[in-house]
Amino acid sequence: MRVSDGLVELKGAIVDERQRKAAIVAAEKVAGVGQVKDRLLLRTDPFSVMVS
């Protein structure tokens, strides 16, 4: 996650769409956040994902 001037950028891999929704909702609830950019990648096999 990166934050700059009220913009939160979510990056990484998720294995379930519920994780995407939870991450977005959590980011939106943070004071000062005006926009959330979703760059999360959905992967069906969590063992095949490497996140740097």
N, C-alpha and C. Protein backbone atom coordinates (compact mmCIF):
# COMPACT_ATOMS: atom_id res chain seq x y z
N MET A 1 0.86 -1.17 0.00
CA MET A 1 0.00 0.00 0.00
C MET A 1 0.89 1.22 0.00
N ARG A 2 0.49 2.22 -0.77
CA ARG A 2 1.20 3.49 -0.80
C ARG A 2 0.17 4.60 -0.62
N VAL A 3 0.53 5.62 0.15
CA VAL A 3 -0.37 6.75 0.40
C VAL A 3 0.33 8.04 0.04
N SER A 4 -0.37 8.89 -0.71
CA SER A 4 0.19 10.18 -1.10
C SER A 4 -0.94 11.17 -1.34
N ASP A 5 -0.94 12.26 -0.61
CA ASP A 5 -1.93 13.33 -0.80
C ASP A 5 -3.37 12.83 -0.83
N GLY A 6 -3.72 11.94 0.09
CA GLY A 6 -5.09 11.46 0.18
C GLY A 6 -5.42 10.32 -0.76
N LEU A 7 -4.46 9.91 -1.58
CA LEU A 7 -4.66 8.79 -2.51
C LEU A 7 -3.98 7.55 -1.94
N VAL A 8 -4.74 6.48 -1.79
CA VAL A 8 -4.20 5.20 -1.34
C VAL A 8 -4.14 4.28 -2.55
N GLU A 9 -2.98 3.68 -2.77
CA GLU A 9 -2.81 2.73 -3.87
C GLU A 9 -2.59 1.35 -3.27
N LEU A 10 -3.54 0.44 -3.53
CA LEU A 10 -3.45 -0.92 -3.03
C LEU A 10 -2.77 -1.79 -4.08
N LYS A 11 -1.70 -2.47 -3.68
CA LYS A 11 -0.97 -3.35 -4.59
C LYS A 11 -0.76 -4.69 -3.90
N GLY A 12 -0.67 -5.73 -4.69
CA GLY A 12 -0.40 -7.05 -4.16
C GLY A 12 -1.32 -8.08 -4.77
N ALA A 13 -1.27 -9.27 -4.21
CA ALA A 13 -2.08 -10.37 -4.72
C ALA A 13 -3.09 -10.79 -3.66
N ILE A 14 -4.27 -11.16 -4.14
CA ILE A 14 -5.34 -11.66 -3.28
C ILE A 14 -5.81 -13.00 -3.85
N VAL A 15 -6.40 -13.83 -3.02
CA VAL A 15 -6.89 -15.13 -3.49
C VAL A 15 -8.41 -15.22 -3.45
N ASP A 16 -9.06 -14.10 -3.05
CA ASP A 16 -10.51 -14.10 -2.92
C ASP A 16 -10.99 -12.66 -3.10
N GLU A 17 -12.08 -12.49 -3.82
CA GLU A 17 -12.62 -11.14 -4.05
C GLU A 17 -13.06 -10.47 -2.75
N ARG A 18 -13.37 -11.26 -1.72
CA ARG A 18 -13.74 -10.66 -0.44
C ARG A 18 -12.58 -9.89 0.17
N GLN A 19 -11.36 -10.34 -0.11
CA GLN A 19 -10.18 -9.64 0.37
C GLN A 19 -10.06 -8.26 -0.28
N ARG A 20 -10.39 -8.18 -1.57
CA ARG A 20 -10.35 -6.89 -2.28
C ARG A 20 -11.33 -5.91 -1.64
N LYS A 21 -12.55 -6.37 -1.44
CA LYS A 21 -13.58 -5.50 -0.87
C LYS A 21 -13.19 -5.04 0.53
N ALA A 22 -12.65 -5.95 1.35
CA ALA A 22 -12.25 -5.61 2.71
C ALA A 22 -11.11 -4.60 2.71
N ALA A 23 -10.15 -4.77 1.82
CA ALA A 23 -9.02 -3.84 1.75
C ALA A 23 -9.48 -2.45 1.33
N ILE A 24 -10.37 -2.39 0.36
CA ILE A 24 -10.88 -1.09 -0.12
C ILE A 24 -11.68 -0.40 0.97
N VAL A 25 -12.56 -1.12 1.62
CA VAL A 25 -13.38 -0.54 2.69
C VAL A 25 -12.49 -0.03 3.83
N ALA A 26 -11.50 -0.83 4.21
CA ALA A 26 -10.59 -0.42 5.29
C ALA A 26 -9.84 0.85 4.91
N ALA A 27 -9.35 0.93 3.68
CA ALA A 27 -8.61 2.11 3.23
C ALA A 27 -9.51 3.34 3.20
N GLU A 28 -10.74 3.18 2.75
CA GLU A 28 -11.66 4.31 2.66
C GLU A 28 -12.02 4.88 4.03
N LYS A 29 -11.93 4.08 5.07
CA LYS A 29 -12.29 4.52 6.42
C LYS A 29 -11.18 5.31 7.12
N VAL A 30 -10.00 5.34 6.54
CA VAL A 30 -8.88 6.05 7.16
C VAL A 30 -9.06 7.55 6.95
N ALA A 31 -8.91 8.31 8.02
CA ALA A 31 -9.07 9.76 7.95
C ALA A 31 -8.07 10.34 6.95
N GLY A 32 -8.55 11.24 6.10
CA GLY A 32 -7.70 11.91 5.14
C GLY A 32 -7.64 11.24 3.77
N VAL A 33 -8.18 10.03 3.67
CA VAL A 33 -8.16 9.33 2.38
C VAL A 33 -9.31 9.85 1.52
N GLY A 34 -8.97 10.29 0.33
CA GLY A 34 -9.98 10.81 -0.58
C GLY A 34 -10.25 9.89 -1.75
N GLN A 35 -9.27 9.03 -2.08
CA GLN A 35 -9.41 8.15 -3.23
C GLN A 35 -8.61 6.88 -2.98
N VAL A 36 -9.16 5.75 -3.45
CA VAL A 36 -8.48 4.47 -3.35
C VAL A 36 -8.30 3.91 -4.75
N LYS A 37 -7.07 3.63 -5.12
CA LYS A 37 -6.76 3.04 -6.42
C LYS A 37 -6.49 1.55 -6.19
N ASP A 38 -7.29 0.71 -6.83
CA ASP A 38 -7.21 -0.74 -6.66
C ASP A 38 -6.30 -1.34 -7.73
N ARG A 39 -5.14 -1.81 -7.32
CA ARG A 39 -4.22 -2.50 -8.22
C ARG A 39 -3.94 -3.91 -7.71
N LEU A 40 -4.91 -4.46 -6.98
CA LEU A 40 -4.78 -5.81 -6.44
C LEU A 40 -5.00 -6.84 -7.54
N LEU A 41 -4.22 -7.91 -7.52
CA LEU A 41 -4.32 -8.96 -8.52
C LEU A 41 -4.95 -10.20 -7.90
N LEU A 42 -5.97 -10.74 -8.54
CA LEU A 42 -6.64 -11.94 -8.07
C LEU A 42 -5.89 -13.16 -8.59
N ARG A 43 -5.47 -14.02 -7.67
CA ARG A 43 -4.78 -15.26 -8.03
C ARG A 43 -5.54 -16.42 -7.39
N THR A 44 -5.82 -17.44 -8.17
CA THR A 44 -6.58 -18.57 -7.64
C THR A 44 -5.68 -19.56 -6.91
N ASP A 45 -4.38 -19.54 -7.19
CA ASP A 45 -3.45 -20.44 -6.52
C ASP A 45 -2.48 -19.60 -5.69
N PRO A 46 -2.69 -19.48 -4.38
CA PRO A 46 -1.86 -18.60 -3.55
C PRO A 46 -0.39 -18.99 -3.53
N PHE A 47 -0.06 -20.24 -3.85
CA PHE A 47 1.33 -20.69 -3.80
C PHE A 47 2.10 -20.31 -5.06
N SER A 48 1.39 -19.85 -6.09
CA SER A 48 2.08 -19.47 -7.32
C SER A 48 2.37 -17.98 -7.39
N VAL A 49 2.05 -17.25 -6.32
CA VAL A 49 2.19 -15.79 -6.32
C VAL A 49 3.41 -15.39 -5.51
N MET A 50 4.23 -14.53 -6.10
CA MET A 50 5.33 -13.93 -5.36
C MET A 50 5.13 -12.43 -5.43
N VAL A 51 5.07 -11.77 -4.28
CA VAL A 51 4.85 -10.33 -4.22
C VAL A 51 6.11 -9.69 -3.69
N SER A 52 6.59 -8.70 -4.41
CA SER A 52 7.79 -8.01 -3.95
C SER A 52 7.45 -6.66 -3.36
